[in-house]
Amino acid sequence: MIIEIFQDIVCPWCRIGKKNLTDALANFTSEPVEVHYRAYQLDPSTPTEGSPFRDVMLQKVRADEAKLSGMLQQVTQAGQGSGLHFDFSKVEKMPNTLKAHQLIAIAPEDHKKDLVDDLFKAYFEDGKDIGNVDVLLDFAEKIGMNREQTSTRLSAKEGLEQVEDDLDFARQAGVSGVPFFVINRKYALTGAQPSATFLQALQQISEEQTEEEA
């Protein structure tokens, strides 16, 4: 089974959805699963240097500070339900995530999951600017990538074509929100579903595929 996750690193529901899927996969024994991370940008127009987080959010949701705080608290509580911590008081910037997606694209396959988890944590728990190349290179080093070589590869736009292909696919498929999960290039699930819902869907899809092949 192949699961493709379309996500953006600044999307809290993507982090929650990915965690719930991971929990479901721990109990899914019907067949081996490959997980691939696909790029999606909630706002491709974000400047390269990023924008002030709260200003962007207030404008995006057309809300005042009180309403925005309530929305962020709702996300925080949902994260706690999935075993994740969010600290929006530390998030000062809404970064452009193109470089982050590019780094994920060129990261070794067996380290992509750790890198994605690290970037989510860095942004939502530590308030790191994950649009900053130096910050990204810190996390590349953490998973064993050579800092200087990775910097050169990013500058040479390696991996960017794959990122752009992902973005094009999402547009053509009509993906208007993330997380968005494509299973075996045939089935789709959207949103941060509970782990039990993911598990039920995966089992059903596996059974249907087995019947079709019989």
N, C-alpha and C. Protein backbone atom coordinates (compact mmCIF):
# COMPACT_ATOMS: atom_id res chain seq x y z
N MET A 1 0.84 -1.19 0.00
CA MET A 1 0.00 0.00 0.00
C MET A 1 0.88 1.25 0.00
N ILE A 2 0.51 2.19 -0.82
CA ILE A 2 1.25 3.46 -0.88
C ILE A 2 0.32 4.59 -0.42
N ILE A 3 0.77 5.34 0.56
CA ILE A 3 0.01 6.49 1.06
C ILE A 3 0.81 7.75 0.79
N GLU A 4 0.20 8.69 0.09
CA GLU A 4 0.83 9.97 -0.19
C GLU A 4 0.13 11.04 0.66
N ILE A 5 0.93 11.77 1.42
CA ILE A 5 0.39 12.81 2.30
C ILE A 5 0.70 14.18 1.71
N PHE A 6 -0.33 14.88 1.28
CA PHE A 6 -0.16 16.27 0.85
C PHE A 6 -0.32 17.15 2.09
N GLN A 7 0.71 17.94 2.38
CA GLN A 7 0.70 18.70 3.63
C GLN A 7 1.57 19.94 3.49
N ASP A 8 1.34 20.87 4.42
CA ASP A 8 2.21 22.04 4.53
C ASP A 8 2.72 22.10 5.96
N ILE A 9 3.98 22.44 6.13
CA ILE A 9 4.59 22.41 7.45
C ILE A 9 4.01 23.46 8.39
N VAL A 10 3.35 24.49 7.86
CA VAL A 10 2.72 25.50 8.73
C VAL A 10 1.25 25.20 8.99
N CYS A 11 0.81 24.01 8.62
CA CYS A 11 -0.58 23.60 8.82
C CYS A 11 -0.67 22.71 10.07
N PRO A 12 -1.26 23.22 11.16
CA PRO A 12 -1.33 22.42 12.39
C PRO A 12 -2.15 21.15 12.22
N TRP A 13 -3.21 21.21 11.42
CA TRP A 13 -4.04 20.03 11.22
C TRP A 13 -3.30 18.96 10.43
N CYS A 14 -2.31 19.38 9.63
CA CYS A 14 -1.47 18.41 8.92
C CYS A 14 -0.63 17.63 9.92
N ARG A 15 -0.10 18.34 10.90
CA ARG A 15 0.69 17.67 11.94
C ARG A 15 -0.16 16.67 12.72
N ILE A 16 -1.36 17.09 13.07
CA ILE A 16 -2.27 16.21 13.82
C ILE A 16 -2.69 15.02 12.96
N GLY A 17 -3.03 15.29 11.69
CA GLY A 17 -3.44 14.21 10.80
C GLY A 17 -2.33 13.20 10.58
N LYS A 18 -1.11 13.68 10.40
CA LYS A 18 0.03 12.78 10.20
C LYS A 18 0.24 11.91 11.44
N LYS A 19 0.14 12.51 12.63
CA LYS A 19 0.31 11.74 13.87
C LYS A 19 -0.78 10.68 14.00
N ASN A 20 -2.02 11.03 13.68
CA ASN A 20 -3.11 10.07 13.77
C ASN A 20 -2.93 8.93 12.78
N LEU A 21 -2.45 9.26 11.58
CA LEU A 21 -2.18 8.22 10.59
C LEU A 21 -1.06 7.30 11.08
N THR A 22 -0.02 7.87 11.64
CA THR A 22 1.09 7.08 12.16
C THR A 22 0.61 6.12 13.25
N ASP A 23 -0.26 6.62 14.13
CA ASP A 23 -0.83 5.76 15.18
C ASP A 23 -1.66 4.63 14.58
N ALA A 24 -2.41 4.94 13.52
CA ALA A 24 -3.22 3.92 12.86
C ALA A 24 -2.33 2.86 12.21
N LEU A 25 -1.25 3.30 11.58
CA LEU A 25 -0.36 2.37 10.89
C LEU A 25 0.31 1.40 11.88
N ALA A 26 0.48 1.83 13.12
CA ALA A 26 1.07 0.96 14.14
C ALA A 26 0.18 -0.26 14.40
N ASN A 27 -1.11 -0.13 14.08
CA ASN A 27 -2.05 -1.24 14.30
C ASN A 27 -2.54 -1.86 13.00
N PHE A 28 -1.97 -1.42 11.88
CA PHE A 28 -2.39 -1.93 10.56
C PHE A 28 -1.40 -3.01 10.12
N THR A 29 -1.87 -4.24 10.06
CA THR A 29 -0.98 -5.37 9.77
C THR A 29 -1.36 -6.10 8.48
N SER A 30 -2.31 -5.56 7.72
CA SER A 30 -2.81 -6.27 6.54
C SER A 30 -1.76 -6.39 5.44
N GLU A 31 -0.93 -5.38 5.29
CA GLU A 31 0.09 -5.37 4.23
C GLU A 31 1.12 -4.28 4.52
N PRO A 32 2.29 -4.38 3.89
CA PRO A 32 3.31 -3.33 4.08
C PRO A 32 2.82 -1.99 3.53
N VAL A 33 3.30 -0.90 4.12
CA VAL A 33 2.87 0.44 3.71
C VAL A 33 4.08 1.33 3.45
N GLU A 34 4.04 2.04 2.34
CA GLU A 34 5.02 3.09 2.05
C GLU A 34 4.32 4.43 2.20
N VAL A 35 4.96 5.36 2.93
CA VAL A 35 4.40 6.70 3.09
C VAL A 35 5.29 7.69 2.35
N HIS A 36 4.69 8.49 1.48
CA HIS A 36 5.42 9.51 0.74
C HIS A 36 4.87 10.88 1.09
N TYR A 37 5.77 11.84 1.27
CA TYR A 37 5.38 13.18 1.65
C TYR A 37 5.33 14.08 0.42
N ARG A 38 4.17 14.68 0.18
CA ARG A 38 3.97 15.54 -0.98
C ARG A 38 3.78 16.99 -0.53
N ALA A 39 4.28 17.88 -1.34
CA ALA A 39 4.26 19.30 -0.99
C ALA A 39 2.92 19.96 -1.30
N TYR A 40 2.55 20.86 -0.42
CA TYR A 40 1.37 21.71 -0.61
C TYR A 40 1.68 23.03 0.10
N GLN A 41 1.28 24.12 -0.52
CA GLN A 41 1.48 25.42 0.13
C GLN A 41 0.13 26.10 0.37
N LEU A 42 -0.14 26.36 1.62
CA LEU A 42 -1.39 27.04 1.97
C LEU A 42 -1.43 28.43 1.36
N ASP A 43 -0.26 29.09 1.33
CA ASP A 43 -0.19 30.44 0.74
C ASP A 43 1.14 30.61 0.01
N PRO A 44 1.16 30.27 -1.29
CA PRO A 44 2.40 30.40 -2.06
C PRO A 44 2.87 31.85 -2.19
N SER A 45 1.98 32.81 -1.93
CA SER A 45 2.35 34.22 -2.08
C SER A 45 3.09 34.78 -0.87
N THR A 46 3.29 33.95 0.17
CA THR A 46 4.03 34.41 1.34
C THR A 46 5.44 34.84 0.92
N PRO A 47 5.88 36.02 1.34
CA PRO A 47 7.23 36.48 0.96
C PRO A 47 8.30 35.49 1.41
N THR A 48 9.41 35.47 0.69
CA THR A 48 10.51 34.57 1.01
C THR A 48 10.98 34.75 2.45
N GLU A 49 10.96 35.99 2.93
CA GLU A 49 11.40 36.27 4.30
C GLU A 49 10.30 36.03 5.34
N GLY A 50 9.10 35.67 4.87
CA GLY A 50 8.00 35.41 5.77
C GLY A 50 7.23 36.67 6.14
N SER A 51 6.16 36.49 6.91
CA SER A 51 5.31 37.60 7.36
C SER A 51 4.98 37.39 8.84
N PRO A 52 4.57 38.46 9.54
CA PRO A 52 4.19 38.32 10.96
C PRO A 52 3.00 37.36 11.10
N PHE A 53 3.16 36.35 11.94
CA PHE A 53 2.18 35.28 12.06
C PHE A 53 0.78 35.78 12.43
N ARG A 54 0.68 36.55 13.50
CA ARG A 54 -0.64 36.95 13.98
C ARG A 54 -1.32 37.90 12.99
N ASP A 55 -0.53 38.76 12.35
CA ASP A 55 -1.12 39.66 11.35
C ASP A 55 -1.73 38.86 10.20
N VAL A 56 -0.98 37.84 9.75
CA VAL A 56 -1.46 36.99 8.65
C VAL A 56 -2.73 36.25 9.07
N MET A 57 -2.73 35.70 10.26
CA MET A 57 -3.87 34.91 10.72
C MET A 57 -5.10 35.77 10.95
N LEU A 58 -4.90 36.96 11.50
CA LEU A 58 -6.04 37.86 11.73
C LEU A 58 -6.70 38.25 10.41
N GLN A 59 -5.87 38.46 9.41
CA GLN A 59 -6.40 38.82 8.10
C GLN A 59 -7.06 37.62 7.42
N LYS A 60 -6.43 36.47 7.58
CA LYS A 60 -6.92 35.26 6.92
C LYS A 60 -8.29 34.83 7.43
N VAL A 61 -8.46 34.86 8.74
CA VAL A 61 -9.72 34.38 9.32
C VAL A 61 -10.69 35.52 9.59
N ARG A 62 -10.26 36.74 9.25
CA ARG A 62 -11.10 37.92 9.44
C ARG A 62 -11.67 37.96 10.87
N ALA A 63 -10.76 37.84 11.82
CA ALA A 63 -11.18 37.77 13.21
C ALA A 63 -10.40 38.78 14.05
N ASP A 64 -10.89 38.99 15.28
CA ASP A 64 -10.13 39.82 16.20
C ASP A 64 -9.23 38.91 17.04
N GLU A 65 -8.43 39.52 17.92
CA GLU A 65 -7.47 38.76 18.71
C GLU A 65 -8.15 37.68 19.56
N ALA A 66 -9.29 38.02 20.13
CA ALA A 66 -9.98 37.07 21.02
C ALA A 66 -10.43 35.83 20.24
N LYS A 67 -11.00 36.06 19.07
CA LYS A 67 -11.47 34.93 18.27
C LYS A 67 -10.30 34.09 17.78
N LEU A 68 -9.23 34.76 17.36
CA LEU A 68 -8.04 34.04 16.90
C LEU A 68 -7.46 33.19 18.03
N SER A 69 -7.37 33.76 19.22
CA SER A 69 -6.84 33.02 20.37
C SER A 69 -7.69 31.78 20.65
N GLY A 70 -8.99 31.92 20.50
CA GLY A 70 -9.88 30.78 20.70
C GLY A 70 -9.65 29.70 19.66
N MET A 71 -9.43 30.10 18.41
CA MET A 71 -9.16 29.13 17.35
C MET A 71 -7.85 28.39 17.60
N LEU A 72 -6.82 29.12 18.03
CA LEU A 72 -5.53 28.49 18.30
C LEU A 72 -5.61 27.56 19.51
N GLN A 73 -6.44 27.94 20.48
CA GLN A 73 -6.64 27.08 21.63
C GLN A 73 -7.33 25.79 21.24
N GLN A 74 -8.25 25.87 20.29
CA GLN A 74 -8.94 24.68 19.79
C GLN A 74 -7.93 23.72 19.14
N VAL A 75 -7.02 24.29 18.35
CA VAL A 75 -5.98 23.47 17.72
C VAL A 75 -5.09 22.83 18.79
N THR A 76 -4.72 23.63 19.79
CA THR A 76 -3.86 23.13 20.87
C THR A 76 -4.51 21.95 21.58
N GLN A 77 -5.81 22.05 21.85
CA GLN A 77 -6.53 20.97 22.53
C GLN A 77 -6.63 19.73 21.64
N ALA A 78 -6.87 19.94 20.35
CA ALA A 78 -6.93 18.82 19.42
C ALA A 78 -5.57 18.12 19.37
N GLY A 79 -4.50 18.91 19.40
CA GLY A 79 -3.16 18.33 19.41
C GLY A 79 -2.91 17.50 20.65
N GLN A 80 -3.35 18.00 21.80
CA GLN A 80 -3.18 17.25 23.04
C GLN A 80 -3.88 15.90 22.96
N GLY A 81 -5.04 15.88 22.30
CA GLY A 81 -5.78 14.63 22.15
C GLY A 81 -5.03 13.60 21.33
N SER A 82 -4.09 14.09 20.51
CA SER A 82 -3.29 13.18 19.69
C SER A 82 -1.87 13.01 20.23
N GLY A 83 -1.62 13.59 21.41
CA GLY A 83 -0.31 13.46 22.02
C GLY A 83 0.72 14.44 21.49
N LEU A 84 0.25 15.58 20.96
CA LEU A 84 1.15 16.59 20.41
C LEU A 84 1.03 17.89 21.19
N HIS A 85 2.16 18.60 21.29
CA HIS A 85 2.18 19.89 21.99
C HIS A 85 2.27 21.02 20.97
N PHE A 86 1.47 22.06 21.17
CA PHE A 86 1.53 23.27 20.35
C PHE A 86 1.72 24.45 21.29
N ASP A 87 2.61 25.38 20.91
CA ASP A 87 2.81 26.59 21.70
C ASP A 87 2.82 27.78 20.75
N PHE A 88 1.63 28.29 20.46
CA PHE A 88 1.51 29.37 19.48
C PHE A 88 2.07 30.69 20.01
N SER A 89 2.33 30.77 21.31
CA SER A 89 2.92 32.00 21.85
C SER A 89 4.35 32.20 21.33
N LYS A 90 4.97 31.13 20.87
CA LYS A 90 6.34 31.22 20.35
C LYS A 90 6.39 31.42 18.84
N VAL A 91 5.24 31.24 18.18
CA VAL A 91 5.22 31.36 16.72
C VAL A 91 5.06 32.83 16.33
N GLU A 92 6.13 33.41 15.83
CA GLU A 92 6.12 34.83 15.47
C GLU A 92 6.02 35.07 13.98
N LYS A 93 6.40 34.07 13.19
CA LYS A 93 6.47 34.29 11.75
C LYS A 93 5.69 33.25 10.98
N MET A 94 5.04 33.69 9.90
CA MET A 94 4.44 32.77 8.93
C MET A 94 5.44 32.68 7.78
N PRO A 95 6.19 31.57 7.70
CA PRO A 95 7.25 31.48 6.70
C PRO A 95 6.73 31.01 5.34
N ASN A 96 7.52 31.27 4.32
CA ASN A 96 7.28 30.63 3.03
C ASN A 96 7.91 29.24 3.13
N THR A 97 7.16 28.20 2.83
CA THR A 97 7.61 26.83 3.09
C THR A 97 8.23 26.14 1.88
N LEU A 98 8.45 26.86 0.80
CA LEU A 98 8.97 26.23 -0.42
C LEU A 98 10.31 25.54 -0.18
N LYS A 99 11.24 26.22 0.51
CA LYS A 99 12.55 25.63 0.78
C LYS A 99 12.44 24.41 1.70
N ALA A 100 11.52 24.48 2.65
CA ALA A 100 11.32 23.33 3.55
C ALA A 100 10.85 22.11 2.75
N HIS A 101 9.92 22.33 1.83
CA HIS A 101 9.46 21.23 0.98
C HIS A 101 10.59 20.71 0.10
N GLN A 102 11.42 21.62 -0.37
CA GLN A 102 12.56 21.24 -1.21
C GLN A 102 13.53 20.36 -0.42
N LEU A 103 13.77 20.72 0.84
CA LEU A 103 14.65 19.92 1.69
C LEU A 103 14.07 18.53 1.92
N ILE A 104 12.77 18.47 2.18
CA ILE A 104 12.12 17.16 2.37
C ILE A 104 12.27 16.31 1.11
N ALA A 105 12.16 16.94 -0.05
CA ALA A 105 12.25 16.22 -1.32
C ALA A 105 13.62 15.59 -1.52
N ILE A 106 14.70 16.26 -1.08
CA ILE A 106 16.04 15.74 -1.32
C ILE A 106 16.59 14.93 -0.14
N ALA A 107 15.85 14.89 0.96
CA ALA A 107 16.31 14.13 2.13
C ALA A 107 16.27 12.64 1.82
N PRO A 108 17.19 11.86 2.42
CA PRO A 108 17.16 10.40 2.24
C PRO A 108 15.79 9.84 2.62
N GLU A 109 15.32 8.88 1.84
CA GLU A 109 13.97 8.35 2.02
C GLU A 109 13.73 7.85 3.44
N ASP A 110 14.74 7.20 4.03
CA ASP A 110 14.54 6.62 5.36
C ASP A 110 14.64 7.65 6.48
N HIS A 111 14.90 8.92 6.12
CA HIS A 111 14.95 9.97 7.13
C HIS A 111 13.88 11.04 6.94
N LYS A 112 13.05 10.90 5.90
CA LYS A 112 12.04 11.92 5.62
C LYS A 112 11.06 12.07 6.78
N LYS A 113 10.60 10.95 7.33
CA LYS A 113 9.62 11.02 8.43
C LYS A 113 10.18 11.81 9.61
N ASP A 114 11.43 11.51 9.98
CA ASP A 114 12.05 12.23 11.11
C ASP A 114 12.18 13.71 10.80
N LEU A 115 12.56 14.03 9.56
CA LEU A 115 12.72 15.44 9.18
C LEU A 115 11.40 16.18 9.25
N VAL A 116 10.34 15.57 8.72
CA VAL A 116 9.02 16.20 8.75
C VAL A 116 8.58 16.42 10.20
N ASP A 117 8.76 15.40 11.03
CA ASP A 117 8.40 15.53 12.45
C ASP A 117 9.20 16.65 13.12
N ASP A 118 10.50 16.70 12.81
CA ASP A 118 11.36 17.73 13.41
C ASP A 118 10.93 19.14 12.99
N LEU A 119 10.57 19.29 11.72
CA LEU A 119 10.16 20.62 11.23
C LEU A 119 8.83 21.05 11.84
N PHE A 120 7.89 20.12 11.94
CA PHE A 120 6.62 20.44 12.61
C PHE A 120 6.88 20.88 14.06
N LYS A 121 7.69 20.12 14.77
CA LYS A 121 7.97 20.44 16.17
C LYS A 121 8.69 21.78 16.28
N ALA A 122 9.66 22.00 15.39
CA ALA A 122 10.43 23.25 15.44
C ALA A 122 9.52 24.45 15.28
N TYR A 123 8.56 24.34 14.39
CA TYR A 123 7.68 25.48 14.13
C TYR A 123 6.63 25.65 15.22
N PHE A 124 5.92 24.58 15.52
CA PHE A 124 4.75 24.69 16.39
C PHE A 124 5.07 24.64 17.89
N GLU A 125 6.24 24.13 18.25
CA GLU A 125 6.60 24.08 19.67
C GLU A 125 7.68 25.09 20.03
N ASP A 126 8.62 25.31 19.10
CA ASP A 126 9.78 26.15 19.41
C ASP A 126 9.75 27.49 18.69
N GLY A 127 8.80 27.68 17.77
CA GLY A 127 8.69 28.96 17.07
C GLY A 127 9.83 29.25 16.11
N LYS A 128 10.49 28.21 15.61
CA LYS A 128 11.62 28.41 14.67
C LYS A 128 11.10 28.90 13.31
N ASP A 129 11.94 29.67 12.65
CA ASP A 129 11.60 30.17 11.31
C ASP A 129 12.03 29.12 10.29
N ILE A 130 11.12 28.23 9.92
CA ILE A 130 11.47 27.13 9.02
C ILE A 130 11.50 27.55 7.56
N GLY A 131 11.39 28.85 7.31
CA GLY A 131 11.62 29.36 5.97
C GLY A 131 13.06 29.83 5.81
N ASN A 132 13.79 29.88 6.91
CA ASN A 132 15.18 30.33 6.91
C ASN A 132 16.10 29.16 6.55
N VAL A 133 16.94 29.35 5.55
CA VAL A 133 17.78 28.26 5.05
C VAL A 133 18.73 27.75 6.13
N ASP A 134 19.30 28.64 6.93
CA ASP A 134 20.22 28.20 7.98
C ASP A 134 19.51 27.30 9.00
N VAL A 135 18.28 27.64 9.32
CA VAL A 135 17.49 26.80 10.23
C VAL A 135 17.25 25.43 9.60
N LEU A 136 16.90 25.42 8.32
CA LEU A 136 16.67 24.16 7.62
C LEU A 136 17.93 23.31 7.58
N LEU A 137 19.07 23.96 7.38
CA LEU A 137 20.33 23.21 7.32
C LEU A 137 20.66 22.59 8.68
N ASP A 138 20.26 23.24 9.78
CA ASP A 138 20.44 22.65 11.11
C ASP A 138 19.72 21.30 11.18
N PHE A 139 18.52 21.26 10.64
CA PHE A 139 17.74 20.02 10.70
C PHE A 139 18.23 18.99 9.68
N ALA A 140 18.79 19.47 8.58
CA ALA A 140 19.41 18.55 7.61
C ALA A 140 20.59 17.84 8.27
N GLU A 141 21.40 18.61 9.00
CA GLU A 141 22.55 18.03 9.71
C GLU A 141 22.09 17.01 10.75
N LYS A 142 20.99 17.32 11.40
CA LYS A 142 20.49 16.44 12.46
C LYS A 142 20.18 15.04 11.95
N ILE A 143 19.73 14.95 10.68
CA ILE A 143 19.41 13.62 10.13
C ILE A 143 20.57 13.05 9.32
N GLY A 144 21.76 13.69 9.45
CA GLY A 144 22.95 13.12 8.84
C GLY A 144 23.33 13.64 7.48
N MET A 145 22.65 14.69 7.00
CA MET A 145 23.00 15.28 5.71
C MET A 145 24.16 16.26 5.90
N ASN A 146 25.05 16.32 4.93
CA ASN A 146 26.17 17.24 4.99
C ASN A 146 25.68 18.67 4.78
N ARG A 147 26.02 19.56 5.70
CA ARG A 147 25.46 20.92 5.67
C ARG A 147 25.85 21.67 4.39
N GLU A 148 27.13 21.67 4.08
CA GLU A 148 27.61 22.43 2.93
C GLU A 148 27.04 21.86 1.62
N GLN A 149 27.06 20.54 1.50
CA GLN A 149 26.53 19.91 0.29
C GLN A 149 25.03 20.17 0.15
N THR A 150 24.31 20.11 1.26
CA THR A 150 22.86 20.34 1.23
C THR A 150 22.56 21.78 0.83
N SER A 151 23.36 22.73 1.35
CA SER A 151 23.19 24.13 0.98
C SER A 151 23.39 24.32 -0.53
N THR A 152 24.41 23.66 -1.06
CA THR A 152 24.68 23.74 -2.50
C THR A 152 23.53 23.15 -3.30
N ARG A 153 23.02 22.03 -2.85
CA ARG A 153 21.91 21.36 -3.55
C ARG A 153 20.65 22.23 -3.54
N LEU A 154 20.38 22.86 -2.41
CA LEU A 154 19.21 23.73 -2.33
C LEU A 154 19.37 24.94 -3.26
N SER A 155 20.57 25.50 -3.26
CA SER A 155 20.84 26.65 -4.13
C SER A 155 20.71 26.29 -5.60
N ALA A 156 21.07 25.04 -5.92
CA ALA A 156 20.98 24.56 -7.30
C ALA A 156 19.56 24.14 -7.68
N LYS A 157 18.63 24.33 -6.74
CA LYS A 157 17.21 24.02 -6.94
C LYS A 157 16.92 22.53 -7.09
N GLU A 158 17.83 21.71 -6.55
CA GLU A 158 17.58 20.27 -6.57
C GLU A 158 16.33 19.96 -5.73
N GLY A 159 15.48 19.11 -6.26
CA GLY A 159 14.25 18.75 -5.55
C GLY A 159 13.09 19.68 -5.85
N LEU A 160 13.39 20.85 -6.41
CA LEU A 160 12.33 21.83 -6.65
C LEU A 160 11.34 21.34 -7.70
N GLU A 161 11.83 20.62 -8.70
CA GLU A 161 10.93 20.11 -9.73
C GLU A 161 9.90 19.15 -9.14
N GLN A 162 10.35 18.31 -8.21
CA GLN A 162 9.41 17.39 -7.56
C GLN A 162 8.37 18.16 -6.76
N VAL A 163 8.82 19.20 -6.04
CA VAL A 163 7.90 20.03 -5.26
C VAL A 163 6.86 20.67 -6.18
N GLU A 164 7.31 21.22 -7.30
CA GLU A 164 6.40 21.86 -8.24
C GLU A 164 5.44 20.85 -8.86
N ASP A 165 5.92 19.63 -9.09
CA ASP A 165 5.04 18.56 -9.59
C ASP A 165 3.94 18.25 -8.59
N ASP A 166 4.31 18.20 -7.31
CA ASP A 166 3.33 17.95 -6.25
C ASP A 166 2.28 19.06 -6.22
N LEU A 167 2.75 20.30 -6.29
CA LEU A 167 1.83 21.45 -6.25
C LEU A 167 0.90 21.43 -7.46
N ASP A 168 1.44 21.08 -8.64
CA ASP A 168 0.62 20.99 -9.85
C ASP A 168 -0.41 19.88 -9.73
N PHE A 169 0.02 18.72 -9.21
CA PHE A 169 -0.91 17.60 -9.05
C PHE A 169 -2.06 17.99 -8.13
N ALA A 170 -1.73 18.66 -7.02
CA ALA A 170 -2.77 19.07 -6.07
C ALA A 170 -3.76 20.03 -6.72
N ARG A 171 -3.24 20.96 -7.52
CA ARG A 171 -4.13 21.90 -8.22
C ARG A 171 -5.04 21.16 -9.19
N GLN A 172 -4.46 20.28 -9.98
CA GLN A 172 -5.23 19.56 -10.99
C GLN A 172 -6.24 18.60 -10.38
N ALA A 173 -5.90 18.08 -9.20
CA ALA A 173 -6.81 17.15 -8.51
C ALA A 173 -7.88 17.89 -7.71
N GLY A 174 -7.77 19.22 -7.68
CA GLY A 174 -8.76 20.00 -6.95
C GLY A 174 -8.59 19.98 -5.45
N VAL A 175 -7.38 19.69 -5.00
CA VAL A 175 -7.11 19.70 -3.55
C VAL A 175 -7.15 21.15 -3.06
N SER A 176 -8.09 21.44 -2.20
CA SER A 176 -8.26 22.82 -1.73
C SER A 176 -7.92 22.97 -0.25
N GLY A 177 -7.60 21.87 0.39
CA GLY A 177 -7.25 21.91 1.80
C GLY A 177 -6.42 20.71 2.17
N VAL A 178 -5.61 20.86 3.20
CA VAL A 178 -4.76 19.78 3.67
C VAL A 178 -4.91 19.63 5.19
N PRO A 179 -4.61 18.42 5.71
CA PRO A 179 -3.96 17.30 5.04
C PRO A 179 -4.89 16.58 4.07
N PHE A 180 -4.27 16.03 3.03
CA PHE A 180 -5.00 15.28 2.01
C PHE A 180 -4.21 14.01 1.75
N PHE A 181 -4.87 12.88 1.87
CA PHE A 181 -4.19 11.59 1.79
C PHE A 181 -4.67 10.83 0.55
N VAL A 182 -3.72 10.42 -0.29
CA VAL A 182 -4.05 9.63 -1.48
C VAL A 182 -3.50 8.22 -1.26
N ILE A 183 -4.38 7.24 -1.39
CA ILE A 183 -4.00 5.86 -1.11
C ILE A 183 -4.06 5.03 -2.39
N ASN A 184 -2.92 4.46 -2.73
CA ASN A 184 -2.79 3.64 -3.95
C ASN A 184 -3.23 4.39 -5.21
N ARG A 185 -3.06 5.71 -5.19
CA ARG A 185 -3.41 6.56 -6.33
C ARG A 185 -4.88 6.41 -6.75
N LYS A 186 -5.70 5.92 -5.84
CA LYS A 186 -7.10 5.65 -6.18
C LYS A 186 -8.08 6.20 -5.16
N TYR A 187 -7.73 6.10 -3.90
CA TYR A 187 -8.63 6.52 -2.83
C TYR A 187 -8.09 7.80 -2.17
N ALA A 188 -8.99 8.60 -1.64
CA ALA A 188 -8.58 9.85 -0.99
C ALA A 188 -9.29 10.02 0.34
N LEU A 189 -8.54 10.53 1.30
CA LEU A 189 -9.09 10.92 2.60
C LEU A 189 -8.63 12.35 2.86
N THR A 190 -9.49 13.14 3.44
CA THR A 190 -9.11 14.53 3.70
C THR A 190 -9.34 14.88 5.16
N GLY A 191 -8.50 15.75 5.68
CA GLY A 191 -8.66 16.22 7.04
C GLY A 191 -7.90 15.39 8.06
N ALA A 192 -7.82 15.93 9.28
CA ALA A 192 -7.11 15.26 10.38
C ALA A 192 -8.04 14.25 11.04
N GLN A 193 -8.25 13.14 10.35
CA GLN A 193 -9.16 12.10 10.85
C GLN A 193 -8.59 11.46 12.12
N PRO A 194 -9.47 10.98 13.01
CA PRO A 194 -8.99 10.22 14.17
C PRO A 194 -8.28 8.95 13.71
N SER A 195 -7.36 8.45 14.53
CA SER A 195 -6.59 7.27 14.14
C SER A 195 -7.50 6.06 13.87
N ALA A 196 -8.58 5.94 14.63
CA ALA A 196 -9.49 4.81 14.42
C ALA A 196 -10.16 4.89 13.05
N THR A 197 -10.47 6.10 12.60
CA THR A 197 -11.07 6.29 11.28
C THR A 197 -10.07 5.93 10.18
N PHE A 198 -8.82 6.36 10.37
CA PHE A 198 -7.77 5.99 9.42
C PHE A 198 -7.63 4.47 9.34
N LEU A 199 -7.56 3.83 10.49
CA LEU A 199 -7.36 2.39 10.52
C LEU A 199 -8.49 1.65 9.82
N GLN A 200 -9.72 2.07 10.09
CA GLN A 200 -10.88 1.45 9.45
C GLN A 200 -10.83 1.63 7.93
N ALA A 201 -10.47 2.82 7.48
CA ALA A 201 -10.39 3.10 6.04
C ALA A 201 -9.30 2.26 5.38
N LEU A 202 -8.14 2.18 6.02
CA LEU A 202 -7.03 1.41 5.46
C LEU A 202 -7.38 -0.08 5.35
N GLN A 203 -8.04 -0.60 6.37
CA GLN A 203 -8.44 -2.01 6.35
C GLN A 203 -9.46 -2.28 5.25
N GLN A 204 -10.39 -1.35 5.08
CA GLN A 204 -11.41 -1.50 4.05
C GLN A 204 -10.79 -1.44 2.65
N ILE A 205 -9.88 -0.50 2.45
CA ILE A 205 -9.21 -0.36 1.15
C ILE A 205 -8.39 -1.61 0.85
N SER A 206 -7.69 -2.12 1.85
CA SER A 206 -6.87 -3.31 1.66
C SER A 206 -7.73 -4.51 1.28
N GLU A 207 -8.89 -4.63 1.92
CA GLU A 207 -9.79 -5.73 1.61
C GLU A 207 -10.35 -5.60 0.20
N GLU A 208 -10.71 -4.38 -0.20
CA GLU A 208 -11.24 -4.16 -1.55
C GLU A 208 -10.19 -4.47 -2.61
N GLN A 209 -8.96 -4.06 -2.36
CA GLN A 209 -7.87 -4.31 -3.32
C GLN A 209 -7.63 -5.82 -3.45
N THR A 210 -7.69 -6.52 -2.31
CA THR A 210 -7.48 -7.98 -2.32
C THR A 210 -8.57 -8.66 -3.12
N GLU A 211 -9.81 -8.22 -2.96
CA GLU A 211 -10.93 -8.81 -3.72
C GLU A 211 -10.80 -8.54 -5.21
N GLU A 212 -10.34 -7.34 -5.57
CA GLU A 212 -10.17 -7.00 -6.99
C GLU A 212 -9.09 -7.84 -7.65
N GLU A 213 -8.06 -8.17 -6.88
CA GLU A 213 -6.95 -8.96 -7.42
C GLU A 213 -7.24 -10.46 -7.45
N ALA A 214 -8.27 -10.86 -6.71
CA ALA A 214 -8.60 -12.29 -6.65
C ALA A 214 -9.20 -12.79 -7.96
